[in-house]
C-alpha atoms as a PDB file:
ATOM      1  CA  MET A   1      39.883 -56.263  81.399  1.00  0.00           C
ATOM      2  CA  LEU A   2      43.392 -54.920  80.809  1.00  0.00           C
ATOM      3  CA  LEU A   3      42.119 -51.328  81.067  1.00  0.00           C
ATOM      4  CA  ILE A   4      40.502 -52.076  84.425  1.00  0.00           C
ATOM      5  CA  ILE A   5      43.796 -53.476  85.730  1.00  0.00           C
ATOM      6  CA  PHE A   6      45.704 -50.400  84.537  1.00  0.00           C
ATOM      7  CA  ARG A   7      43.166 -48.042  86.120  1.00  0.00           C
ATOM      8  CA  THR A   8      43.340 -49.888  89.451  1.00  0.00           C
ATOM      9  CA  VAL A   9      47.140 -49.968  89.444  1.00  0.00           C
ATOM     10  CA  PHE A  10      47.320 -46.225  88.648  1.00  0.00           C
ATOM     11  CA  ILE A  11      44.959 -45.309  91.514  1.00  0.00           C
ATOM     12  CA  LEU A  12      46.688 -47.638  93.992  1.00  0.00           C
ATOM     13  CA  THR A  13      50.171 -46.401  93.143  1.00  0.00           C
ATOM     14  CA  SER A  14      48.995 -42.783  93.448  1.00  0.00           C
ATOM     15  CA  VAL A  15      47.525 -43.515  96.899  1.00  0.00           C
ATOM     16  CA  ILE A  16      50.612 -45.440  98.039  1.00  0.00           C
ATOM     17  CA  PHE A  17      53.051 -42.711  96.954  1.00  0.00           C
ATOM     18  CA  THR A  18      50.887 -40.067  98.666  1.00  0.00           C
ATOM     19  CA  ILE A  19      50.771 -42.085 101.904  1.00  0.00           C
ATOM     20  CA  LEU A  20      54.556 -42.554 101.806  1.00  0.00           C
ATOM     21  CA  TYR A  21      55.004 -38.808 101.229  1.00  0.00           C
ATOM     22  CA  TYR A  22      52.839 -37.964 104.298  1.00  0.00           C
ATOM     23  CA  SER A  23      54.063 -40.886 106.410  1.00  0.00           C
ATOM     24  CA  GLN A  24      55.439 -38.507 109.062  1.00  0.00           C
ATOM     25  CA  SER A  25      52.054 -36.810 109.452  1.00  0.00           C
ATOM     26  CA  SER A  26      49.109 -37.840 111.596  1.00  0.00           C
ATOM     27  CA  THR A  27      46.890 -40.779 110.694  1.00  0.00           C
ATOM     28  CA  GLN A  28      43.993 -38.464 109.893  1.00  0.00           C
ATOM     29  CA  ALA A  29      46.177 -36.406 107.514  1.00  0.00           C
ATOM     30  CA  ILE A  30      47.404 -39.597 105.791  1.00  0.00           C
ATOM     31  CA  ILE A  31      43.800 -40.834 105.274  1.00  0.00           C
ATOM     32  CA  ILE A  32      42.675 -37.467 103.901  1.00  0.00           C
ATOM     33  CA  ALA A  33      45.721 -37.203 101.573  1.00  0.00           C
ATOM     34  CA  GLY A  34      45.221 -40.761 100.341  1.00  0.00           C
ATOM     35  CA  SER A  35      41.525 -40.129  99.650  1.00  0.00           C
ATOM     36  CA  ILE A  36      42.287 -36.911  97.773  1.00  0.00           C
ATOM     37  CA  ALA A  37      44.977 -38.725  95.739  1.00  0.00           C
ATOM     38  CA  ALA A  38      42.465 -41.461  94.821  1.00  0.00           C
ATOM     39  CA  VAL A  39      39.861 -38.876  93.713  1.00  0.00           C
ATOM     40  CA  ILE A  40      42.421 -36.906  91.688  1.00  0.00           C
ATOM     41  CA  SER A  41      43.719 -40.126  90.064  1.00  0.00           C
ATOM     42  CA  LEU A  42      40.172 -41.094  89.117  1.00  0.00           C
ATOM     43  CA  GLY A  43      39.602 -37.627  87.636  1.00  0.00           C
ATOM     44  CA  VAL A  44      42.819 -37.884  85.627  1.00  0.00           C
ATOM     45  CA  ILE A  45      41.704 -41.276  84.258  1.00  0.00           C
ATOM     46  CA  ILE A  46      38.304 -39.847  83.259  1.00  0.00           C
ATOM     47  CA  ILE A  47      39.903 -36.876  81.485  1.00  0.00           C
ATOM     48  CA  ILE A  48      42.442 -39.062  79.657  1.00  0.00           C
ATOM     49  CA  GLU A  49      39.766 -41.526  78.503  1.00  0.00           C
ATOM     50  CA  PHE A  50      37.477 -38.669  77.424  1.00  0.00           C
ATOM     51  CA  PHE A  51      40.197 -37.227  75.196  1.00  0.00           C
ATOM     52  CA  SER A  52      41.135 -40.704  73.917  1.00  0.00           C
ATOM     53  CA  HIS A  53      37.559 -41.418  72.787  1.00  0.00           C
ATOM     54  CA  SER A  54      36.771 -37.907  71.553  1.00  0.00           C
ATOM     55  CA  PHE A  55      39.878 -37.301  69.466  1.00  0.00           C
ATOM     56  CA  SER A  56      41.908 -39.455  67.117  1.00  0.00           C
ATOM     57  CA  THR A  57      45.413 -40.585  68.004  1.00  0.00           C
ATOM     58  CA  ARG A  58      46.728 -38.488  65.145  1.00  0.00           C
ATOM     59  CA  GLN A  59      45.088 -35.329  66.567  1.00  0.00           C
ATOM     60  CA  ILE A  60      46.456 -35.947  70.068  1.00  0.00           C
ATOM     61  CA  LEU A  61      49.939 -36.590  68.689  1.00  0.00           C
ATOM     62  CA  ALA A  62      49.685 -33.428  66.571  1.00  0.00           C
ATOM     63  CA  ALA A  63      48.682 -31.447  69.680  1.00  0.00           C
ATOM     64  CA  ILE A  64      51.633 -32.785  71.717  1.00  0.00           C
ATOM     65  CA  LEU A  65      54.147 -32.149  68.942  1.00  0.00           C
ATOM     66  CA  GLY A  66      52.654 -28.719  68.253  1.00  0.00           C
ATOM     67  CA  LEU A  67      52.918 -27.771  71.938  1.00  0.00           C
ATOM     68  CA  MET A  68      56.539 -28.942  72.035  1.00  0.00           C
ATOM     69  CA  PHE A  69      57.420 -26.962  68.889  1.00  0.00           C
ATOM     70  CA  GLY A  70      55.561 -23.905  70.194  1.00  0.00           C
ATOM     71  CA  LEU A  71      57.316 -23.944  73.562  1.00  0.00           C
ATOM     72  CA  THR A  72      60.663 -24.377  71.803  1.00  0.00           C
ATOM     73  CA  ILE A  73      59.938 -21.360  69.610  1.00  0.00           C
ATOM     74  CA  GLY A  74      58.804 -19.430  72.688  1.00  0.00           C
ATOM     75  CA  HIS A  75      62.017 -20.341  74.507  1.00  0.00           C
ATOM     76  CA  LEU A  76      64.135 -19.127  71.581  1.00  0.00           C
ATOM     77  CA  LEU A  77      62.153 -15.880  71.445  1.00  0.00           C
ATOM     78  CA  SER A  78      62.648 -15.418  75.199  1.00  0.00           C
ATOM     79  CA  ILE A  79      66.404 -15.914  74.829  1.00  0.00           C
ATOM     80  CA  GLY A  80      66.411 -13.334  72.036  1.00  0.00           C
ATOM     81  CA  LEU A  81      64.412 -10.944  74.186  1.00  0.00           C
ATOM     82  CA  SER A  82      66.819 -11.371  77.103  1.00  0.00           C
ATOM     83  CA  SER A  83      69.744 -10.443  74.863  1.00  0.00           C
ATOM     84  CA  VAL A  84      68.177  -7.062  74.132  1.00  0.00           C
ATOM     85  CA  ASP A  85      69.562  -4.632  76.697  1.00  0.00           C
ATOM     86  CA  LEU A  86      66.741  -2.134  77.033  1.00  0.00           C
ATOM     87  CA  ASP A  87      65.561  -0.716  80.360  1.00  0.00           C
ATOM     88  CA  SER A  88      61.942  -0.508  79.218  1.00  0.00           C
ATOM     89  CA  ILE A  89      61.880  -4.192  78.281  1.00  0.00           C
ATOM     90  CA  GLY A  90      63.709  -5.251  81.422  1.00  0.00           C
ATOM     91  CA  THR A  91      60.973  -3.842  83.652  1.00  0.00           C
ATOM     92  CA  ILE A  92      58.198  -5.863  81.981  1.00  0.00           C
ATOM     93  CA  SER A  93      60.198  -8.956  80.954  1.00  0.00           C
ATOM     94  CA  GLY A  94      58.631 -10.873  83.847  1.00  0.00           C
ATOM     95  CA  ILE A  95      55.253 -10.511  82.106  1.00  0.00           C
ATOM     96  CA  ILE A  96      56.374 -10.745  78.468  1.00  0.00           C
ATOM     97  CA  LYS A  97      58.295 -14.027  78.758  1.00  0.00           C
ATOM     98  CA  PRO A  98      55.387 -16.087  80.150  1.00  0.00           C
ATOM     99  CA  LEU A  99      53.129 -14.535  77.484  1.00  0.00           C
ATOM    100  CA  ILE A 100      55.575 -15.548  74.742  1.00  0.00           C
ATOM    101  CA  TYR A 101      55.600 -19.153  76.005  1.00  0.00           C
ATOM    102  CA  HIS A 102      51.821 -19.143  76.382  1.00  0.00           C
ATOM    103  CA  ILE A 103      50.964 -17.629  72.986  1.00  0.00           C
ATOM    104  CA  SER A 104      53.589 -19.490  70.901  1.00  0.00           C
ATOM    105  CA  GLY A 105      52.792 -22.860  72.505  1.00  0.00           C
ATOM    106  CA  PHE A 106      49.035 -22.427  72.020  1.00  0.00           C
ATOM    107  CA  ALA A 107      49.324 -21.005  68.474  1.00  0.00           C
ATOM    108  CA  VAL A 108      51.593 -23.758  67.131  1.00  0.00           C
ATOM    109  CA  MET A 109      49.555 -26.462  68.892  1.00  0.00           C
ATOM    110  CA  MET A 110      46.331 -25.189  67.304  1.00  0.00           C
ATOM    111  CA  PHE A 111      48.030 -24.997  63.909  1.00  0.00           C
ATOM    112  CA  PHE A 112      49.124 -28.642  64.194  1.00  0.00           C
ATOM    113  CA  ILE A 113      45.657 -29.781  65.296  1.00  0.00           C
ATOM    114  CA  ILE A 114      43.804 -27.942  62.516  1.00  0.00           C
ATOM    115  CA  ASN A 115      46.204 -29.134  59.791  1.00  0.00           C
ATOM    116  CA  HIS A 116      47.001 -32.596  61.189  1.00  0.00           C
ATOM    117  CA  GLU A 117      45.846 -34.340  57.979  1.00  0.00           C
ATOM    118  CA  ASP A 118      48.154 -32.190  55.821  1.00  0.00           C
ATOM    119  CA  ILE A 119      51.299 -32.583  57.955  1.00  0.00           C
ATOM    120  CA  SER A 120      53.161 -35.249  56.001  1.00  0.00           C
ATOM    121  CA  PHE A 121      55.689 -36.364  58.615  1.00  0.00           C
ATOM    122  CA  LEU A 122      52.813 -37.521  60.840  1.00  0.00           C
ATOM    123  CA  ASP A 123      52.004 -40.133  58.162  1.00  0.00           C
ATOM    124  CA  LYS A 124      55.195 -41.975  59.078  1.00  0.00           C
ATOM    125  CA  ILE A 125      53.946 -42.332  62.654  1.00  0.00           C
ATOM    126  CA  ILE A 126      50.154 -42.550  62.251  1.00  0.00           C
ATOM    127  CA  PRO A 127      48.750 -42.809  58.692  1.00  0.00           C
ATOM    128  CA  VAL A 128      45.463 -41.083  57.871  1.00  0.00           C
ATOM    129  CA  LYS A 129      42.557 -43.508  58.149  1.00  0.00           C
ATOM    130  CA  ILE A 130      40.268 -43.750  55.147  1.00  0.00           C
ATOM    131  CA  ASN A 131      36.662 -44.451  56.047  1.00  0.00           C
ATOM    132  CA  ASP A 132      34.661 -46.834  53.900  1.00  0.00           C
ATOM    133  CA  SER A 133      32.192 -44.013  53.265  1.00  0.00           C
ATOM    134  CA  ASP A 134      34.990 -41.912  51.756  1.00  0.00           C
ATOM    135  CA  VAL A 135      35.883 -44.592  49.202  1.00  0.00           C
ATOM    136  CA  GLU A 136      33.927 -44.299  45.988  1.00  0.00           C
ATOM    137  CA  ILE A 137      32.399 -47.637  44.995  1.00  0.00           C
ATOM    138  CA  PRO A 138      33.138 -48.384  41.338  1.00  0.00           C
ATOM    139  CA  TYR A 139      30.027 -49.225  39.317  1.00  0.00           C
ATOM    140  CA  LYS A 140      30.133 -51.186  36.074  1.00  0.00           C
ATOM    141  CA  ILE A 141      27.028 -51.351  33.899  1.00  0.00           C
ATOM    142  CA  LEU A 142      26.453 -54.447  31.792  1.00  0.00           C
ATOM    143  CA  ASP A 143      24.832 -54.214  28.380  1.00  0.00           C
ATOM    144  CA  THR A 144      22.777 -56.911  26.681  1.00  0.00           C
ATOM    145  CA  SER A 145      25.547 -58.192  24.403  1.00  0.00           C
ATOM    146  CA  VAL A 146      28.012 -58.886  27.215  1.00  0.00           C
ATOM    147  CA  ILE A 147      25.370 -60.715  29.272  1.00  0.00           C
ATOM    148  CA  ILE A 148      24.423 -62.980  26.358  1.00  0.00           C
ATOM    149  CA  ASP A 149      28.117 -63.569  25.599  1.00  0.00           C
ATOM    150  CA  GLY A 150      28.512 -65.140  29.053  1.00  0.00           C
ATOM    151  CA  ARG A 151      32.249 -64.643  29.510  1.00  0.00           C
ATOM    152  CA  ILE A 152      31.590 -61.868  32.033  1.00  0.00           C
ATOM    153  CA  ALA A 153      30.608 -64.494  34.638  1.00  0.00           C
ATOM    154  CA  ASP A 154      33.910 -66.335  34.184  1.00  0.00           C
ATOM    155  CA  ILE A 155      35.866 -63.062  34.392  1.00  0.00           C
ATOM    156  CA  CYS A 156      34.090 -62.189  37.655  1.00  0.00           C
ATOM    157  CA  ASP A 157      34.967 -65.607  39.060  1.00  0.00           C
ATOM    158  CA  THR A 158      38.658 -64.859  38.547  1.00  0.00           C
ATOM    159  CA  GLY A 159      38.404 -61.740  40.750  1.00  0.00           C
ATOM    160  CA  PHE A 160      39.767 -59.329  38.136  1.00  0.00           C
ATOM    161  CA  LEU A 161      36.594 -57.199  38.201  1.00  0.00           C
ATOM    162  CA  GLU A 162      35.915 -55.254  41.393  1.00  0.00           C
ATOM    163  CA  GLY A 163      33.014 -53.107  42.423  1.00  0.00           C
ATOM    164  CA  ILE A 164      29.298 -53.512  41.783  1.00  0.00           C
ATOM    165  CA  LEU A 165      27.852 -54.816  38.509  1.00  0.00           C
ATOM    166  CA  VAL A 166      24.731 -52.864  37.584  1.00  0.00           C
ATOM    167  CA  ILE A 167      21.968 -54.459  35.515  1.00  0.00           C
ATOM    168  CA  PRO A 168      19.480 -51.794  34.344  1.00  0.00           C
ATOM    169  CA  ASN A 169      15.826 -52.786  34.135  1.00  0.00           C
ATOM    170  CA  PHE A 170      15.663 -51.740  30.483  1.00  0.00           C
ATOM    171  CA  VAL A 171      18.454 -54.250  29.730  1.00  0.00           C
ATOM    172  CA  LEU A 172      16.476 -56.954  31.539  1.00  0.00           C
ATOM    173  CA  ASN A 173      13.413 -56.044  29.473  1.00  0.00           C
ATOM    174  CA  GLU A 174      15.431 -56.316  26.264  1.00  0.00           C
ATOM    175  CA  LEU A 175      16.744 -59.714  27.367  1.00  0.00           C
ATOM    176  CA  GLN A 176      13.178 -60.830  28.104  1.00  0.00           C
ATOM    177  CA  MET A 177      12.032 -59.720  24.644  1.00  0.00           C
ATOM    178  CA  ILE A 178      14.886 -61.655  23.028  1.00  0.00           C
ATOM    179  CA  ALA A 179      14.076 -64.746  25.139  1.00  0.00           C
ATOM    180  CA  ASP A 180      10.435 -64.550  23.996  1.00  0.00           C
ATOM    181  CA  SER A 181      11.343 -64.073  20.316  1.00  0.00           C
ATOM    182  CA  ALA A 182       9.792 -66.299  17.667  1.00  0.00           C
ATOM    183  CA  ASP A 183      13.249 -66.804  16.179  1.00  0.00           C
ATOM    184  CA  SER A 184      14.771 -69.883  17.821  1.00  0.00           C
ATOM    185  CA  ILE A 185      18.336 -68.540  17.649  1.00  0.00           C
ATOM    186  CA  LYS A 186      17.384 -65.244  19.295  1.00  0.00           C
ATOM    187  CA  ARG A 187      15.259 -67.105  21.840  1.00  0.00           C
ATOM    188  CA  ASN A 188      18.174 -69.332  22.840  1.00  0.00           C
ATOM    189  CA  ARG A 189      20.488 -66.308  23.120  1.00  0.00           C
ATOM    190  CA  GLY A 190      18.014 -64.496  25.365  1.00  0.00           C
ATOM    191  CA  ARG A 191      17.546 -67.513  27.615  1.00  0.00           C
ATOM    192  CA  ARG A 192      21.297 -67.961  27.820  1.00  0.00           C
ATOM    193  CA  GLY A 193      21.618 -64.345  28.979  1.00  0.00           C
ATOM    194  CA  LEU A 194      18.981 -64.830  31.681  1.00  0.00           C
ATOM    195  CA  ASP A 195      20.733 -68.005  32.855  1.00  0.00           C
ATOM    196  CA  ILE A 196      24.024 -66.107  33.081  1.00  0.00           C
ATOM    197  CA  LEU A 197      22.368 -63.419  35.216  1.00  0.00           C
ATOM    198  CA  ASN A 198      20.835 -66.007  37.550  1.00  0.00           C
ATOM    199  CA  LYS A 199      24.236 -67.648  37.933  1.00  0.00           C
ATOM    200  CA  MET A 200      25.898 -64.326  38.768  1.00  0.00           C
ATOM    201  CA  GLN A 201      23.212 -63.383  41.319  1.00  0.00           C
ATOM    202  CA  LYS A 202      23.649 -66.690  43.147  1.00  0.00           C
ATOM    203  CA  ASP A 203      27.435 -66.236  43.283  1.00  0.00           C
ATOM    204  CA  GLN A 204      28.207 -64.623  46.657  1.00  0.00           C
ATOM    205  CA  SER A 205      31.540 -63.261  45.409  1.00  0.00           C
ATOM    206  CA  ILE A 206      29.825 -61.097  42.743  1.00  0.00           C
ATOM    207  CA  MET A 207      27.931 -57.956  43.801  1.00  0.00           C
ATOM    208  CA  VAL A 208      24.998 -57.417  41.419  1.00  0.00           C
ATOM    209  CA  LYS A 209      22.613 -54.487  41.613  1.00  0.00           C
ATOM    210  CA  ILE A 210      19.380 -54.054  39.626  1.00  0.00           C
ATOM    211  CA  SER A 211      18.828 -50.403  38.662  1.00  0.00           C
ATOM    212  CA  ASP A 212      15.257 -49.128  38.262  1.00  0.00           C
ATOM    213  CA  MET A 213      16.446 -45.888  36.660  1.00  0.00           C
ATOM    214  CA  ASP A 214      14.954 -45.394  33.220  1.00  0.00           C
ATOM    215  CA  PHE A 215      14.810 -42.641  30.637  1.00  0.00           C
ATOM    216  CA  LYS A 216      11.387 -42.594  28.993  1.00  0.00           C
ATOM    217  CA  ASP A 217      12.382 -39.860  26.571  1.00  0.00           C
ATOM    218  CA  ILE A 218      15.259 -41.983  25.163  1.00  0.00           C
ATOM    219  CA  PRO A 219      14.047 -44.910  23.033  1.00  0.00           C
ATOM    220  CA  GLU A 220      17.384 -46.633  22.289  1.00  0.00           C
ATOM    221  CA  VAL A 221      18.828 -48.973  24.911  1.00  0.00           C
ATOM    222  CA  ASP A 222      22.423 -48.022  24.038  1.00  0.00           C
ATOM    223  CA  SER A 223      21.671 -44.322  24.581  1.00  0.00           C
ATOM    224  CA  LYS A 224      20.034 -45.154  27.909  1.00  0.00           C
ATOM    225  CA  LEU A 225      23.155 -47.072  28.959  1.00  0.00           C
ATOM    226  CA  VAL A 226      25.390 -44.114  28.181  1.00  0.00           C
ATOM    227  CA  GLN A 227      23.108 -41.714  30.064  1.00  0.00           C
ATOM    228  CA  LEU A 228      22.954 -44.015  33.096  1.00  0.00           C
ATOM    229  CA  ALA A 229      26.744 -44.373  33.100  1.00  0.00           C
ATOM    230  CA  LYS A 230      27.107 -40.588  33.158  1.00  0.00           C
ATOM    231  CA  ILE A 231      24.736 -40.237  36.116  1.00  0.00           C
ATOM    232  CA  MET A 232      26.322 -43.064  38.131  1.00  0.00           C
ATOM    233  CA  ASN A 233      29.871 -42.178  37.085  1.00  0.00           C
ATOM    234  CA  ALA A 234      30.176 -45.797  35.979  1.00  0.00           C
ATOM    235  CA  LYS A 235      31.961 -47.758  33.300  1.00  0.00           C
ATOM    236  CA  VAL A 236      30.104 -49.724  30.630  1.00  0.00           C
ATOM    237  CA  ILE A 237      31.035 -53.345  29.948  1.00  0.00           C
ATOM    238  CA  THR A 238      30.113 -54.392  26.415  1.00  0.00           C
ATOM    239  CA  ASN A 239      30.976 -56.403  23.323  1.00  0.00           C
ATOM    240  CA  ASP A 240      29.189 -53.975  21.022  1.00  0.00           C
ATOM    241  CA  PHE A 241      31.694 -52.117  18.834  1.00  0.00           C
ATOM    242  CA  ASN A 242      29.267 -49.302  17.995  1.00  0.00           C
ATOM    243  CA  LEU A 243      28.254 -48.766  21.634  1.00  0.00           C
ATOM    244  CA  ASN A 244      31.945 -48.726  22.503  1.00  0.00           C
ATOM    245  CA  LYS A 245      32.633 -45.858  20.092  1.00  0.00           C
ATOM    246  CA  VAL A 246      29.516 -43.843  21.017  1.00  0.00           C
ATOM    247  CA  ALA A 247      30.224 -44.143  24.755  1.00  0.00           C
ATOM    248  CA  GLU A 248      33.873 -43.131  24.371  1.00  0.00           C
ATOM    249  CA  PHE A 249      32.818 -40.159  22.239  1.00  0.00           C
ATOM    250  CA  GLN A 250      30.531 -38.992  25.069  1.00  0.00           C
ATOM    251  CA  GLY A 251      33.257 -39.371  27.702  1.00  0.00           C
ATOM    252  CA  VAL A 252      32.077 -42.656  29.233  1.00  0.00           C
ATOM    253  CA  GLU A 253      34.728 -45.262  30.000  1.00  0.00           C
ATOM    254  CA  VAL A 254      34.174 -48.636  28.317  1.00  0.00           C
ATOM    255  CA  LEU A 255      35.475 -52.108  29.129  1.00  0.00           C
ATOM    256  CA  ASN A 256      35.264 -54.256  25.990  1.00  0.00           C
ATOM    257  CA  ILE A 257      35.374 -58.006  26.572  1.00  0.00           C
ATOM    258  CA  ASN A 258      36.495 -58.662  22.991  1.00  0.00           C
ATOM    259  CA  GLN A 259      39.438 -56.295  23.396  1.00  0.00           C
ATOM    260  CA  LEU A 260      40.334 -58.042  26.641  1.00  0.00           C
ATOM    261  CA  SER A 261      40.155 -61.411  24.914  1.00  0.00           C
ATOM    262  CA  ASN A 262      42.387 -60.216  22.074  1.00  0.00           C
ATOM    263  CA  SER A 263      44.952 -58.803  24.465  1.00  0.00           C
ATOM    264  CA  LEU A 264      45.195 -62.163  26.253  1.00  0.00           C
ATOM    265  CA  LYS A 265      45.932 -64.136  23.107  1.00  0.00           C
ATOM    266  CA  PRO A 266      49.533 -65.326  22.800  1.00  0.00           C
ATOM    267  CA  ILE A 267      51.791 -63.127  20.678  1.00  0.00           C
ATOM    268  CA  VAL A 268      52.913 -64.616  17.383  1.00  0.00           C
ATOM    269  CA  LEU A 269      55.958 -63.230  15.555  1.00  0.00           C
ATOM    270  CA  PRO A 270      56.918 -63.590  11.872  1.00  0.00           C
ATOM    271  CA  GLY A 271      59.094 -66.619  11.323  1.00  0.00           C
ATOM    272  CA  GLU A 272      57.455 -68.755  14.004  1.00  0.00           C
ATOM    273  CA  GLU A 273      55.998 -72.127  13.110  1.00  0.00           C
ATOM    274  CA  MET A 274      52.583 -73.495  14.050  1.00  0.00           C
ATOM    275  CA  THR A 275      50.213 -76.311  13.199  1.00  0.00           C
ATOM    276  CA  VAL A 276      46.721 -75.573  11.883  1.00  0.00           C
ATOM    277  CA  THR A 277      43.885 -77.512  10.259  1.00  0.00           C
ATOM    278  CA  LEU A 278      42.643 -75.942   7.016  1.00  0.00           C
ATOM    279  CA  ILE A 279      38.835 -76.005   6.959  1.00  0.00           C
ATOM    280  CA  LYS A 280      37.756 -73.662   4.141  1.00  0.00           C
ATOM    281  CA  GLU A 281      38.914 -71.688   1.116  1.00  0.00           C
ATOM    282  CA  GLY A 282      40.171 -68.135   1.391  1.00  0.00           C
ATOM    283  CA  LYS A 283      39.091 -65.062  -0.586  1.00  0.00           C
ATOM    284  CA  ASP A 284      42.131 -65.059  -2.870  1.00  0.00           C
ATOM    285  CA  SER A 285      43.054 -67.884  -5.164  1.00  0.00           C
ATOM    286  CA  ASN A 286      44.964 -70.754  -3.570  1.00  0.00           C
ATOM    287  CA  GLN A 287      44.356 -69.387  -0.056  1.00  0.00           C
ATOM    288  CA  ALA A 288      43.006 -71.586   2.718  1.00  0.00           C
ATOM    289  CA  ILE A 289      41.815 -70.682   6.186  1.00  0.00           C
ATOM    290  CA  GLY A 290      42.158 -72.378   9.549  1.00  0.00           C
ATOM    291  CA  TYR A 291      41.611 -71.351  13.161  1.00  0.00           C
ATOM    292  CA  LEU A 292      43.667 -71.631  16.320  1.00  0.00           C
ATOM    293  CA  ASP A 293      42.149 -72.909  19.564  1.00  0.00           C
ATOM    294  CA  ASP A 294      41.462 -69.335  20.725  1.00  0.00           C
ATOM    295  CA  GLY A 295      39.535 -68.539  17.521  1.00  0.00           C
ATOM    296  CA  THR A 296      42.287 -66.599  15.756  1.00  0.00           C
ATOM    297  CA  MET A 297      41.976 -66.818  11.963  1.00  0.00           C
ATOM    298  CA  VAL A 298      45.008 -68.178  10.125  1.00  0.00           C
ATOM    299  CA  VAL A 299      45.297 -67.467   6.389  1.00  0.00           C
ATOM    300  CA  VAL A 300      47.614 -69.868   4.538  1.00  0.00           C
ATOM    301  CA  GLU A 301      48.983 -68.907   1.110  1.00  0.00           C
ATOM    302  CA  ASN A 302      48.864 -71.690  -1.469  1.00  0.00           C
ATOM    303  CA  GLY A 303      47.065 -73.885   1.036  1.00  0.00           C
ATOM    304  CA  ARG A 304      43.900 -74.612  -0.906  1.00  0.00           C
ATOM    305  CA  ARG A 305      45.269 -77.943  -2.113  1.00  0.00           C
ATOM    306  CA  LYS A 306      45.673 -78.964   1.552  1.00  0.00           C
ATOM    307  CA  LEU A 307      42.042 -78.405   2.544  1.00  0.00           C
ATOM    308  CA  ASN A 308      40.781 -80.565   5.441  1.00  0.00           C
ATOM    309  CA  GLU A 309      44.372 -81.425   6.336  1.00  0.00           C
ATOM    310  CA  GLU A 310      46.550 -80.501   9.303  1.00  0.00           C
ATOM    311  CA  VAL A 311      49.597 -78.637   8.018  1.00  0.00           C
ATOM    312  CA  ARG A 312      52.723 -77.028   9.411  1.00  0.00           C
ATOM    313  CA  VAL A 313      52.975 -73.317   8.511  1.00  0.00           C
ATOM    314  CA  ILE A 314      55.378 -70.399   8.987  1.00  0.00           C
ATOM    315  CA  VAL A 315      54.058 -66.987  10.078  1.00  0.00           C
ATOM    316  CA  THR A 316      54.725 -64.205   7.569  1.00  0.00           C
ATOM    317  CA  SER A 317      52.743 -61.331   9.125  1.00  0.00           C
ATOM    318  CA  VAL A 318      50.110 -60.519  11.745  1.00  0.00           C
ATOM    319  CA  LEU A 319      47.214 -58.084  11.234  1.00  0.00           C
ATOM    320  CA  GLN A 320      45.440 -56.678  14.302  1.00  0.00           C
ATOM    321  CA  THR A 321      41.961 -55.277  13.662  1.00  0.00           C
ATOM    322  CA  THR A 322      39.099 -54.106  15.870  1.00  0.00           C
ATOM    323  CA  ALA A 323      37.304 -57.356  15.067  1.00  0.00           C
ATOM    324  CA  GLY A 324      40.251 -59.496  16.113  1.00  0.00           C
ATOM    325  CA  ARG A 325      43.586 -60.715  14.872  1.00  0.00           C
ATOM    326  CA  MET A 326      44.519 -62.398  11.570  1.00  0.00           C
ATOM    327  CA  ILE A 327      47.703 -64.369  11.055  1.00  0.00           C
ATOM    328  CA  PHE A 328      49.077 -64.724   7.519  1.00  0.00           C
ATOM    329  CA  THR A 329      51.265 -67.747   6.893  1.00  0.00           C
ATOM    330  CA  LYS A 330      52.790 -69.937   4.225  1.00  0.00           C
ATOM    331  CA  LEU A 331      53.204 -73.678   4.025  1.00  0.00           C
ATOM    332  CA  LYS A 332      56.441 -74.906   5.539  1.00  0.00           C
ATOM    333  CA  ASP A 333      56.786 -77.448   2.712  1.00  0.00           C
ATOM    334  CA  ASN A 334      57.099 -74.606   0.190  1.00  0.00           C
END
């Protein structure tokens, strides 16, 4: 609606100014001039809108700036040419000067248009638009262990994982085999994994894709995962320590949920105090073991006599391993 108003106003003002300019002429001349002004105004609008729809704002701005720079360069060259006192140049200067303006203006304008994406100062005025098709969608492939673990669904709910989660068909088949196992523990783990997948598929905030790609010549599921990740340029999400190492060795990026969990555990420093319940004996004599709420193992020296009791301990050292973290302590009473 606003464009229609602007078009109408532009045509009317053009006609009015033309009529005022020819107001001293005959009525027939005024009507003809006004009609011509209306037609020319309409043509100008069509040309402007054609360029506006056919070219980006950045390209048009680059063309205008390029023309201005080119004409400025041409003007400086013309001044330099005028300062040269040669009879031969003076006779043809009337032809050379317009050519200098024409060639320099066109050349610099074309240079700006062709390289408009590389001209950095244009970014401050009109940034380069990035199309959705130009943005690479990050894929993350889930393995069987991380699906059965279940924490991946909670991590997705927090919004920390972006992109598309890929579930290969061979992983689904492995889950189905585990869910149909005669072993009750394996059967429950498999069914839990299938329930986690159903929950994730129903969640609208999580993008899940089932991949039909398979590798018949590769029998191992882990090797298939690595191969699929290479083809899709994807990362593998796993809890499997061995798969983690094999994938990294073959240049595939891995996101390990256990490593993420360990990194989120609160830091404990030697000398700090904590309370822990001792639930079993340790490997060495007089040692007892307890666990924090996050599952961290706490080894207490000389704590065996306090088994099944809640004790206050002092941290002596912390050992970080690939399997997790161990905290070594001593009884505060000692």
